[in-house]
Amino acid sequence: MRKLKLQAHMTIDGFAASPNGGSDWVFLSGPNAAGFQKITELAATCDTLILGRKMVPEFVGYWQNQAQSQVDTPLKAFGQLIVDMRKIAFSRTETESPFDTVEMKNDDLATAIQALKNQPGKDIIVYGGGEFVTSLVSLNLIDEYYIIVSPVAIGNGQSIFKEQKILKLESSTPFKNGKLMNKYLPA
C-alpha cells in the first residue's frame, strides 16, 4: 500500500503559516543546497501529488515555469518532478481546475485518500499547511511527516495540528542554514 507523505515547513514556535497564511519566513535563513537535495529526493519517492484547491494556481504554475526554464538548476529538476506527477486537487466547491494537468475531486476526503493509497505506484505527497493539510492530519491520513523546522519564531500563526497528535521521531537531518528536517511517524 502506498503512503501519504506530508512535507511542511514550520517555525520553531510551531506555526506552518503566519496569521494571514503567508510563509515568507521560510526563506529568512537563506538557501541550502543539501536541504533542497533532500526535498528533491523525497519528491522522487512519489508519483502523485495531492493539494487543496487554494494552492493549485500558485504552486502548480510556479513549478511548471521552473520546469520550462532554459537553465539547468535544482529548481528546474524539482519542477520537472512536480510536472511529471499525477496531480489531484480536492475542493468542496470547485469542479474545474485552471490547469488541464490537475484533476479535481469533490469526494469524501478520507475515502478518496484511502482509494489512492490502494492504487499501485509510488507514494503520494502533499505540501504545505492550511485547511487542507489540517484536514488530512485530523483524519489521521498522513503516514509520514517531514517537518522542516526553520530557525524563526513568528509569535502567532496557523498550525496544522488542531488536537493532540503523538508522533514518533524517525530521523532528524540538520542543514547548514539552521533548518532541521524531522521525519515523524504516527505513534
N, C-alpha and C. Protein backbone atom coordinates (compact mmCIF):
# COMPACT_ATOMS: atom_id res chain seq x y z
N MET A 1 0.85 -1.18 0.00
CA MET A 1 0.00 0.00 0.00
C MET A 1 0.89 1.24 0.00
N ARG A 2 0.48 2.24 -0.79
CA ARG A 2 1.23 3.48 -0.87
C ARG A 2 1.04 4.30 0.41
N LYS A 3 2.02 5.14 0.70
CA LYS A 3 1.96 6.00 1.87
C LYS A 3 1.68 7.44 1.44
N LEU A 4 1.01 8.18 2.32
CA LEU A 4 0.82 9.61 2.13
C LEU A 4 1.85 10.32 2.99
N LYS A 5 2.71 11.11 2.32
CA LYS A 5 3.80 11.83 2.98
C LYS A 5 3.49 13.32 2.97
N LEU A 6 3.64 13.93 4.12
CA LEU A 6 3.47 15.38 4.24
C LEU A 6 4.83 16.01 4.37
N GLN A 7 5.11 17.01 3.53
CA GLN A 7 6.28 17.85 3.71
C GLN A 7 5.78 19.24 4.04
N ALA A 8 6.14 19.74 5.21
CA ALA A 8 5.68 21.06 5.64
C ALA A 8 6.81 21.81 6.30
N HIS A 9 6.83 23.12 6.10
CA HIS A 9 7.75 23.99 6.81
C HIS A 9 7.06 24.47 8.07
N MET A 10 7.83 24.63 9.13
CA MET A 10 7.26 25.05 10.40
C MET A 10 8.26 25.95 11.11
N THR A 11 7.76 26.93 11.82
CA THR A 11 8.62 27.80 12.64
C THR A 11 9.01 27.06 13.92
N ILE A 12 10.00 27.57 14.63
CA ILE A 12 10.39 26.90 15.87
C ILE A 12 9.30 27.02 16.93
N ASP A 13 8.38 27.97 16.75
CA ASP A 13 7.26 28.05 17.69
C ASP A 13 6.01 27.34 17.17
N GLY A 14 6.16 26.48 16.16
CA GLY A 14 5.12 25.54 15.77
C GLY A 14 4.08 25.99 14.76
N PHE A 15 4.36 27.03 14.00
CA PHE A 15 3.38 27.51 13.03
C PHE A 15 3.79 27.14 11.60
N ALA A 16 2.80 26.76 10.80
CA ALA A 16 3.03 26.42 9.40
C ALA A 16 2.79 27.62 8.49
N ALA A 17 2.19 28.66 9.03
CA ALA A 17 1.93 29.89 8.28
C ALA A 17 1.73 31.03 9.25
N SER A 18 1.92 32.25 8.78
CA SER A 18 1.64 33.43 9.59
C SER A 18 0.12 33.57 9.73
N PRO A 19 -0.35 34.48 10.57
CA PRO A 19 -1.81 34.61 10.75
C PRO A 19 -2.59 34.82 9.45
N ASN A 20 -1.98 35.49 8.47
CA ASN A 20 -2.67 35.75 7.20
C ASN A 20 -2.40 34.65 6.16
N GLY A 21 -1.74 33.56 6.57
CA GLY A 21 -1.47 32.46 5.67
C GLY A 21 -0.14 32.53 4.95
N GLY A 22 0.62 33.58 5.18
CA GLY A 22 1.90 33.76 4.49
C GLY A 22 2.99 32.84 5.02
N SER A 23 4.01 32.67 4.19
CA SER A 23 5.14 31.82 4.59
C SER A 23 6.47 32.43 4.15
N ASP A 24 6.55 33.76 4.08
CA ASP A 24 7.79 34.40 3.68
C ASP A 24 8.94 34.10 4.65
N TRP A 25 8.61 33.73 5.88
CA TRP A 25 9.62 33.39 6.88
C TRP A 25 10.43 32.15 6.50
N VAL A 26 9.91 31.32 5.58
CA VAL A 26 10.60 30.10 5.16
C VAL A 26 11.97 30.44 4.57
N PHE A 27 12.10 31.59 3.93
CA PHE A 27 13.32 31.95 3.21
C PHE A 27 14.27 32.83 4.00
N LEU A 28 13.93 33.19 5.24
CA LEU A 28 14.75 34.10 6.02
C LEU A 28 16.12 33.53 6.39
N SER A 29 16.24 32.23 6.52
CA SER A 29 17.52 31.64 6.90
C SER A 29 18.42 31.36 5.70
N GLY A 30 17.96 31.69 4.51
CA GLY A 30 18.78 31.55 3.32
C GLY A 30 18.70 30.17 2.69
N PRO A 31 19.24 30.05 1.48
CA PRO A 31 19.17 28.77 0.75
C PRO A 31 20.15 27.75 1.30
N ASN A 32 19.90 26.50 0.98
CA ASN A 32 20.79 25.42 1.38
C ASN A 32 20.67 24.31 0.35
N ALA A 33 21.75 24.08 -0.39
CA ALA A 33 21.73 23.10 -1.48
C ALA A 33 21.47 21.69 -0.95
N ALA A 34 22.08 21.33 0.17
CA ALA A 34 21.89 19.97 0.71
C ALA A 34 20.44 19.78 1.16
N GLY A 35 19.85 20.80 1.75
CA GLY A 35 18.46 20.73 2.17
C GLY A 35 17.52 20.56 0.98
N PHE A 36 17.78 21.34 -0.08
CA PHE A 36 16.94 21.23 -1.26
C PHE A 36 17.10 19.87 -1.92
N GLN A 37 18.29 19.30 -1.85
CA GLN A 37 18.52 17.96 -2.39
C GLN A 37 17.68 16.94 -1.64
N LYS A 38 17.58 17.07 -0.31
CA LYS A 38 16.74 16.15 0.49
C LYS A 38 15.27 16.27 0.10
N ILE A 39 14.82 17.49 -0.13
CA ILE A 39 13.44 17.72 -0.55
C ILE A 39 13.19 17.06 -1.91
N THR A 40 14.16 17.19 -2.81
CA THR A 40 14.05 16.59 -4.13
C THR A 40 14.04 15.06 -4.05
N GLU A 41 14.88 14.50 -3.19
CA GLU A 41 14.91 13.04 -3.00
C GLU A 41 13.57 12.55 -2.46
N LEU A 42 12.98 13.30 -1.55
CA LEU A 42 11.67 12.92 -1.02
C LEU A 42 10.62 12.93 -2.12
N ALA A 43 10.62 13.98 -2.93
CA ALA A 43 9.64 14.08 -4.03
C ALA A 43 9.81 12.93 -5.02
N ALA A 44 11.04 12.49 -5.24
CA ALA A 44 11.30 11.42 -6.21
C ALA A 44 10.74 10.08 -5.75
N THR A 45 10.38 9.94 -4.48
CA THR A 45 9.78 8.69 -4.00
C THR A 45 8.28 8.65 -4.25
N CYS A 46 7.75 9.71 -4.85
CA CYS A 46 6.30 9.84 -5.05
C CYS A 46 5.98 10.03 -6.53
N ASP A 47 4.79 9.59 -6.92
CA ASP A 47 4.34 9.83 -8.29
C ASP A 47 2.99 10.54 -8.33
N THR A 48 2.45 10.85 -7.15
CA THR A 48 1.16 11.54 -7.06
C THR A 48 1.27 12.66 -6.05
N LEU A 49 0.75 13.82 -6.42
CA LEU A 49 0.71 14.99 -5.56
C LEU A 49 -0.74 15.34 -5.30
N ILE A 50 -1.09 15.49 -4.03
CA ILE A 50 -2.43 15.96 -3.71
C ILE A 50 -2.31 17.34 -3.08
N LEU A 51 -3.31 18.17 -3.31
CA LEU A 51 -3.29 19.51 -2.75
C LEU A 51 -4.71 20.04 -2.64
N GLY A 52 -4.84 21.04 -1.81
CA GLY A 52 -6.11 21.73 -1.70
C GLY A 52 -6.28 22.69 -2.85
N ARG A 53 -7.51 22.97 -3.21
CA ARG A 53 -7.83 23.83 -4.35
C ARG A 53 -7.13 25.19 -4.28
N LYS A 54 -7.05 25.77 -3.10
CA LYS A 54 -6.48 27.11 -2.96
C LYS A 54 -5.01 27.17 -3.33
N MET A 55 -4.32 26.05 -3.24
CA MET A 55 -2.88 26.03 -3.51
C MET A 55 -2.57 25.81 -4.99
N VAL A 56 -3.54 25.37 -5.77
CA VAL A 56 -3.30 24.97 -7.16
C VAL A 56 -2.70 26.09 -8.02
N PRO A 57 -3.32 27.26 -8.16
CA PRO A 57 -2.80 28.23 -9.14
C PRO A 57 -1.35 28.63 -8.91
N GLU A 58 -1.02 28.99 -7.69
CA GLU A 58 0.33 29.47 -7.41
C GLU A 58 1.35 28.34 -7.46
N PHE A 59 1.07 27.23 -6.78
CA PHE A 59 2.03 26.13 -6.67
C PHE A 59 2.28 25.47 -8.03
N VAL A 60 1.24 25.04 -8.69
CA VAL A 60 1.40 24.33 -9.97
C VAL A 60 2.00 25.27 -11.02
N GLY A 61 1.52 26.49 -11.09
CA GLY A 61 2.05 27.46 -12.05
C GLY A 61 3.53 27.73 -11.84
N TYR A 62 3.92 27.91 -10.59
CA TYR A 62 5.33 28.20 -10.28
C TYR A 62 6.23 27.05 -10.73
N TRP A 63 5.86 25.81 -10.38
CA TRP A 63 6.74 24.68 -10.71
C TRP A 63 6.70 24.34 -12.20
N GLN A 64 5.60 24.62 -12.88
CA GLN A 64 5.60 24.43 -14.34
C GLN A 64 6.58 25.42 -14.98
N ASN A 65 6.58 26.65 -14.51
CA ASN A 65 7.53 27.65 -15.03
C ASN A 65 8.97 27.24 -14.76
N GLN A 66 9.24 26.72 -13.57
CA GLN A 66 10.61 26.29 -13.24
C GLN A 66 11.04 25.14 -14.17
N ALA A 67 10.14 24.21 -14.42
CA ALA A 67 10.47 23.06 -15.28
C ALA A 67 10.78 23.49 -16.71
N GLN A 68 10.21 24.60 -17.14
CA GLN A 68 10.42 25.10 -18.51
C GLN A 68 11.62 26.03 -18.62
N SER A 69 12.32 26.26 -17.51
CA SER A 69 13.47 27.15 -17.51
C SER A 69 14.52 26.67 -18.52
N GLN A 70 15.23 27.62 -19.10
CA GLN A 70 16.28 27.31 -20.06
C GLN A 70 17.59 26.93 -19.38
N VAL A 71 17.66 27.19 -18.07
CA VAL A 71 18.89 26.95 -17.32
C VAL A 71 18.71 25.73 -16.43
N ASP A 72 19.68 24.81 -16.48
CA ASP A 72 19.61 23.63 -15.62
C ASP A 72 19.98 24.03 -14.20
N THR A 73 19.01 23.93 -13.32
CA THR A 73 19.21 24.25 -11.91
C THR A 73 18.47 23.21 -11.07
N PRO A 74 18.76 23.17 -9.78
CA PRO A 74 17.98 22.27 -8.91
C PRO A 74 16.48 22.60 -8.95
N LEU A 75 16.13 23.87 -9.10
CA LEU A 75 14.71 24.25 -9.19
C LEU A 75 14.07 23.67 -10.44
N LYS A 76 14.80 23.66 -11.54
CA LYS A 76 14.27 23.09 -12.78
C LYS A 76 14.03 21.59 -12.61
N ALA A 77 14.99 20.90 -12.01
CA ALA A 77 14.85 19.46 -11.81
C ALA A 77 13.67 19.14 -10.89
N PHE A 78 13.52 19.90 -9.82
CA PHE A 78 12.40 19.69 -8.91
C PHE A 78 11.08 20.01 -9.62
N GLY A 79 11.07 21.09 -10.38
CA GLY A 79 9.87 21.46 -11.14
C GLY A 79 9.45 20.36 -12.09
N GLN A 80 10.43 19.69 -12.70
CA GLN A 80 10.11 18.60 -13.62
C GLN A 80 9.49 17.42 -12.87
N LEU A 81 9.98 17.16 -11.66
CA LEU A 81 9.36 16.11 -10.83
C LEU A 81 7.89 16.43 -10.58
N ILE A 82 7.60 17.68 -10.23
CA ILE A 82 6.22 18.10 -9.95
C ILE A 82 5.37 17.98 -11.22
N VAL A 83 5.91 18.44 -12.35
CA VAL A 83 5.17 18.38 -13.61
C VAL A 83 4.84 16.93 -13.97
N ASP A 84 5.77 16.02 -13.72
CA ASP A 84 5.59 14.62 -14.11
C ASP A 84 4.64 13.86 -13.19
N MET A 85 4.36 14.39 -12.01
CA MET A 85 3.46 13.70 -11.08
C MET A 85 2.01 13.84 -11.49
N ARG A 86 1.23 12.85 -11.13
CA ARG A 86 -0.23 12.98 -11.21
C ARG A 86 -0.61 13.98 -10.12
N LYS A 87 -1.43 14.96 -10.47
CA LYS A 87 -1.81 16.00 -9.52
C LYS A 87 -3.32 15.96 -9.31
N ILE A 88 -3.73 15.88 -8.04
CA ILE A 88 -5.14 15.83 -7.69
C ILE A 88 -5.42 16.92 -6.67
N ALA A 89 -6.36 17.78 -6.99
CA ALA A 89 -6.76 18.85 -6.07
C ALA A 89 -8.13 18.52 -5.49
N PHE A 90 -8.28 18.75 -4.22
CA PHE A 90 -9.54 18.49 -3.53
C PHE A 90 -10.24 19.81 -3.23
N SER A 91 -11.53 19.82 -3.47
CA SER A 91 -12.33 21.02 -3.24
C SER A 91 -13.74 20.62 -2.84
N ARG A 92 -14.32 21.43 -2.00
CA ARG A 92 -15.73 21.21 -1.65
C ARG A 92 -16.66 21.87 -2.66
N THR A 93 -16.13 22.84 -3.41
CA THR A 93 -16.99 23.65 -4.28
C THR A 93 -16.60 23.62 -5.76
N GLU A 94 -15.31 23.65 -6.06
CA GLU A 94 -14.84 23.74 -7.45
C GLU A 94 -14.83 22.37 -8.12
N THR A 95 -15.21 22.34 -9.38
CA THR A 95 -15.18 21.10 -10.14
C THR A 95 -14.20 21.14 -11.30
N GLU A 96 -13.68 22.33 -11.62
CA GLU A 96 -12.75 22.50 -12.73
C GLU A 96 -11.46 23.13 -12.22
N SER A 97 -10.34 22.67 -12.76
CA SER A 97 -9.04 23.21 -12.41
C SER A 97 -8.58 24.20 -13.47
N PRO A 98 -7.81 25.22 -13.08
CA PRO A 98 -7.25 26.13 -14.09
C PRO A 98 -6.15 25.48 -14.93
N PHE A 99 -5.72 24.29 -14.53
CA PHE A 99 -4.68 23.56 -15.26
C PHE A 99 -5.25 22.22 -15.74
N ASP A 100 -5.02 21.88 -17.00
CA ASP A 100 -5.53 20.61 -17.50
C ASP A 100 -4.74 19.42 -16.95
N THR A 101 -3.63 19.68 -16.26
CA THR A 101 -2.82 18.62 -15.67
C THR A 101 -3.23 18.31 -14.23
N VAL A 102 -4.27 18.98 -13.73
CA VAL A 102 -4.71 18.78 -12.35
C VAL A 102 -6.14 18.25 -12.35
N GLU A 103 -6.33 17.09 -11.74
CA GLU A 103 -7.67 16.51 -11.58
C GLU A 103 -8.32 17.15 -10.36
N MET A 104 -9.61 17.44 -10.46
CA MET A 104 -10.36 17.97 -9.31
C MET A 104 -11.20 16.85 -8.73
N LYS A 105 -11.22 16.76 -7.40
CA LYS A 105 -12.05 15.77 -6.72
C LYS A 105 -12.90 16.48 -5.67
N ASN A 106 -14.15 16.07 -5.59
CA ASN A 106 -15.07 16.59 -4.59
C ASN A 106 -15.54 15.48 -3.66
N ASP A 107 -14.88 14.32 -3.74
CA ASP A 107 -15.27 13.14 -2.97
C ASP A 107 -15.00 13.35 -1.48
N ASP A 108 -15.55 12.43 -0.68
CA ASP A 108 -15.21 12.38 0.73
C ASP A 108 -13.69 12.20 0.83
N LEU A 109 -13.04 13.07 1.59
CA LEU A 109 -11.57 13.10 1.63
C LEU A 109 -10.98 11.78 2.10
N ALA A 110 -11.46 11.24 3.21
CA ALA A 110 -10.89 10.00 3.76
C ALA A 110 -11.06 8.84 2.78
N THR A 111 -12.22 8.73 2.17
CA THR A 111 -12.48 7.65 1.21
C THR A 111 -11.58 7.80 -0.02
N ALA A 112 -11.45 9.02 -0.53
CA ALA A 112 -10.64 9.25 -1.72
C ALA A 112 -9.16 8.97 -1.46
N ILE A 113 -8.66 9.40 -0.30
CA ILE A 113 -7.25 9.17 0.02
C ILE A 113 -7.00 7.67 0.19
N GLN A 114 -7.89 6.97 0.85
CA GLN A 114 -7.72 5.53 1.03
C GLN A 114 -7.71 4.82 -0.33
N ALA A 115 -8.56 5.25 -1.24
CA ALA A 115 -8.58 4.66 -2.59
C ALA A 115 -7.26 4.92 -3.31
N LEU A 116 -6.71 6.13 -3.17
CA LEU A 116 -5.41 6.44 -3.78
C LEU A 116 -4.30 5.58 -3.19
N LYS A 117 -4.33 5.39 -1.89
CA LYS A 117 -3.31 4.57 -1.23
C LYS A 117 -3.37 3.13 -1.72
N ASN A 118 -4.53 2.67 -2.08
CA ASN A 118 -4.69 1.28 -2.54
C ASN A 118 -4.30 1.08 -4.00
N GLN A 119 -4.10 2.16 -4.74
CA GLN A 119 -3.69 2.03 -6.14
C GLN A 119 -2.21 1.69 -6.23
N PRO A 120 -1.79 1.04 -7.31
CA PRO A 120 -0.36 0.75 -7.47
C PRO A 120 0.41 2.03 -7.77
N GLY A 121 1.69 2.00 -7.48
CA GLY A 121 2.55 3.14 -7.80
C GLY A 121 3.42 3.54 -6.64
N LYS A 122 4.13 4.63 -6.85
CA LYS A 122 4.97 5.19 -5.79
C LYS A 122 4.06 5.85 -4.74
N ASP A 123 4.69 6.43 -3.75
CA ASP A 123 3.94 7.08 -2.68
C ASP A 123 3.28 8.37 -3.16
N ILE A 124 2.52 8.98 -2.26
CA ILE A 124 1.74 10.19 -2.52
C ILE A 124 2.31 11.29 -1.62
N ILE A 125 2.40 12.51 -2.13
CA ILE A 125 2.94 13.61 -1.33
C ILE A 125 1.96 14.77 -1.28
N VAL A 126 1.98 15.48 -0.17
CA VAL A 126 1.22 16.71 -0.01
C VAL A 126 2.17 17.73 0.61
N TYR A 127 2.08 18.96 0.14
CA TYR A 127 2.94 20.03 0.64
C TYR A 127 2.12 21.06 1.39
N GLY A 128 2.78 21.71 2.34
CA GLY A 128 2.21 22.91 2.91
C GLY A 128 1.49 22.76 4.22
N GLY A 129 0.63 23.73 4.41
CA GLY A 129 -0.18 23.82 5.61
C GLY A 129 -1.59 24.13 5.17
N GLY A 130 -2.22 24.98 5.89
CA GLY A 130 -3.57 25.38 5.52
C GLY A 130 -4.63 24.37 5.90
N GLU A 131 -5.85 24.71 5.54
CA GLU A 131 -7.01 23.90 5.92
C GLU A 131 -6.95 22.48 5.36
N PHE A 132 -6.48 22.34 4.13
CA PHE A 132 -6.44 21.01 3.52
C PHE A 132 -5.54 20.06 4.30
N VAL A 133 -4.32 20.50 4.59
CA VAL A 133 -3.39 19.65 5.33
C VAL A 133 -3.91 19.40 6.74
N THR A 134 -4.50 20.42 7.35
CA THR A 134 -5.08 20.25 8.68
C THR A 134 -6.15 19.17 8.66
N SER A 135 -6.95 19.12 7.61
CA SER A 135 -7.97 18.07 7.48
C SER A 135 -7.33 16.69 7.37
N LEU A 136 -6.27 16.57 6.57
CA LEU A 136 -5.57 15.29 6.43
C LEU A 136 -4.99 14.82 7.77
N VAL A 137 -4.41 15.76 8.51
CA VAL A 137 -3.83 15.44 9.81
C VAL A 137 -4.93 15.01 10.78
N SER A 138 -6.01 15.77 10.83
CA SER A 138 -7.11 15.47 11.75
C SER A 138 -7.77 14.12 11.46
N LEU A 139 -7.79 13.73 10.19
CA LEU A 139 -8.39 12.45 9.80
C LEU A 139 -7.40 11.28 9.89
N ASN A 140 -6.20 11.56 10.40
CA ASN A 140 -5.15 10.54 10.56
C ASN A 140 -4.79 9.86 9.24
N LEU A 141 -4.72 10.65 8.16
CA LEU A 141 -4.41 10.11 6.85
C LEU A 141 -2.93 10.18 6.50
N ILE A 142 -2.14 10.94 7.26
CA ILE A 142 -0.72 11.11 6.98
C ILE A 142 0.04 9.91 7.54
N ASP A 143 0.87 9.28 6.70
CA ASP A 143 1.67 8.13 7.13
C ASP A 143 3.08 8.53 7.54
N GLU A 144 3.61 9.57 6.94
CA GLU A 144 4.95 10.07 7.27
C GLU A 144 4.92 11.59 7.23
N TYR A 145 5.43 12.20 8.30
CA TYR A 145 5.50 13.65 8.40
C TYR A 145 6.96 14.06 8.21
N TYR A 146 7.22 14.94 7.25
CA TYR A 146 8.55 15.53 7.05
C TYR A 146 8.40 17.01 7.37
N ILE A 147 8.77 17.36 8.58
CA ILE A 147 8.61 18.73 9.05
C ILE A 147 9.97 19.42 8.99
N ILE A 148 10.04 20.48 8.20
CA ILE A 148 11.27 21.26 8.09
C ILE A 148 11.13 22.46 9.02
N VAL A 149 11.88 22.41 10.11
CA VAL A 149 11.79 23.46 11.13
C VAL A 149 12.78 24.57 10.79
N SER A 150 12.25 25.78 10.62
CA SER A 150 13.08 26.95 10.34
C SER A 150 13.47 27.62 11.64
N PRO A 151 14.68 28.16 11.73
CA PRO A 151 15.12 28.83 12.94
C PRO A 151 14.53 30.25 13.05
N VAL A 152 13.22 30.29 12.99
CA VAL A 152 12.48 31.56 13.01
C VAL A 152 11.26 31.38 13.91
N ALA A 153 11.02 32.37 14.76
CA ALA A 153 9.79 32.39 15.56
C ALA A 153 8.94 33.55 15.05
N ILE A 154 7.64 33.33 14.89
CA ILE A 154 6.76 34.40 14.40
C ILE A 154 5.74 34.83 15.45
N GLY A 155 5.68 34.12 16.57
CA GLY A 155 4.84 34.55 17.68
C GLY A 155 3.37 34.21 17.59
N ASN A 156 2.85 34.15 16.38
CA ASN A 156 1.44 33.86 16.18
C ASN A 156 1.27 33.36 14.75
N GLY A 157 0.33 32.46 14.55
CA GLY A 157 0.15 31.97 13.19
C GLY A 157 -0.82 30.81 13.14
N GLN A 158 -0.73 30.05 12.04
CA GLN A 158 -1.62 28.93 11.79
C GLN A 158 -0.87 27.62 11.99
N SER A 159 -1.49 26.69 12.68
CA SER A 159 -0.91 25.38 12.93
C SER A 159 -1.65 24.34 12.09
N ILE A 160 -0.94 23.27 11.73
CA ILE A 160 -1.61 22.16 11.04
C ILE A 160 -2.23 21.19 12.03
N PHE A 161 -1.90 21.36 13.30
CA PHE A 161 -2.42 20.48 14.35
C PHE A 161 -3.51 21.19 15.12
N LYS A 162 -4.70 20.59 15.16
CA LYS A 162 -5.83 21.19 15.88
C LYS A 162 -6.20 20.41 17.13
N GLU A 163 -5.55 19.25 17.31
CA GLU A 163 -5.77 18.45 18.51
C GLU A 163 -4.47 17.72 18.81
N GLN A 164 -4.41 17.08 19.95
CA GLN A 164 -3.20 16.36 20.33
C GLN A 164 -2.89 15.28 19.31
N LYS A 165 -1.63 15.19 18.95
CA LYS A 165 -1.17 14.18 17.99
C LYS A 165 0.17 13.68 18.51
N ILE A 166 0.26 12.39 18.77
CA ILE A 166 1.51 11.82 19.25
C ILE A 166 2.24 11.20 18.07
N LEU A 167 3.46 11.67 17.85
CA LEU A 167 4.28 11.21 16.74
C LEU A 167 5.59 10.65 17.27
N LYS A 168 6.20 9.77 16.49
CA LYS A 168 7.49 9.18 16.86
C LYS A 168 8.54 9.73 15.91
N LEU A 169 9.61 10.31 16.46
CA LEU A 169 10.70 10.83 15.64
C LEU A 169 11.46 9.65 15.03
N GLU A 170 11.49 9.60 13.71
CA GLU A 170 12.18 8.54 12.98
C GLU A 170 13.61 8.95 12.64
N SER A 171 13.79 10.23 12.23
CA SER A 171 15.12 10.73 11.90
C SER A 171 15.11 12.25 11.94
N SER A 172 16.31 12.81 12.01
CA SER A 172 16.45 14.26 12.04
C SER A 172 17.71 14.63 11.26
N THR A 173 17.57 15.54 10.30
CA THR A 173 18.68 15.94 9.45
C THR A 173 18.89 17.45 9.56
N PRO A 174 20.03 17.88 10.11
CA PRO A 174 20.30 19.32 10.21
C PRO A 174 20.88 19.85 8.89
N PHE A 175 20.56 21.10 8.58
CA PHE A 175 21.12 21.77 7.40
C PHE A 175 21.97 22.95 7.85
N LYS A 176 22.90 23.34 7.01
CA LYS A 176 23.84 24.41 7.37
C LYS A 176 23.18 25.76 7.59
N ASN A 177 22.00 25.97 7.03
CA ASN A 177 21.32 27.25 7.21
C ASN A 177 20.49 27.28 8.51
N GLY A 178 20.64 26.25 9.34
CA GLY A 178 19.95 26.22 10.63
C GLY A 178 18.62 25.48 10.61
N LYS A 179 18.17 25.08 9.44
CA LYS A 179 16.92 24.32 9.37
C LYS A 179 17.18 22.87 9.76
N LEU A 180 16.11 22.20 10.12
CA LEU A 180 16.17 20.82 10.56
C LEU A 180 15.01 20.08 9.93
N MET A 181 15.31 18.97 9.21
CA MET A 181 14.21 18.17 8.65
C MET A 181 14.00 16.98 9.58
N ASN A 182 12.83 16.96 10.22
CA ASN A 182 12.47 15.87 11.11
C ASN A 182 11.45 14.98 10.42
N LYS A 183 11.70 13.68 10.44
CA LYS A 183 10.75 12.71 9.91
C LYS A 183 10.06 12.06 11.10
N TYR A 184 8.73 12.17 11.11
CA TYR A 184 7.92 11.59 12.18
C TYR A 184 6.95 10.56 11.59
N LEU A 185 6.67 9.55 12.39
CA LEU A 185 5.65 8.57 12.06
C LEU A 185 4.56 8.63 13.13
N PRO A 186 3.33 8.34 12.77
CA PRO A 186 2.28 8.27 13.79
C PRO A 186 2.67 7.22 14.85
N ALA A 187 2.48 7.56 16.12
CA ALA A 187 2.87 6.63 17.21
C ALA A 187 1.83 5.54 17.36
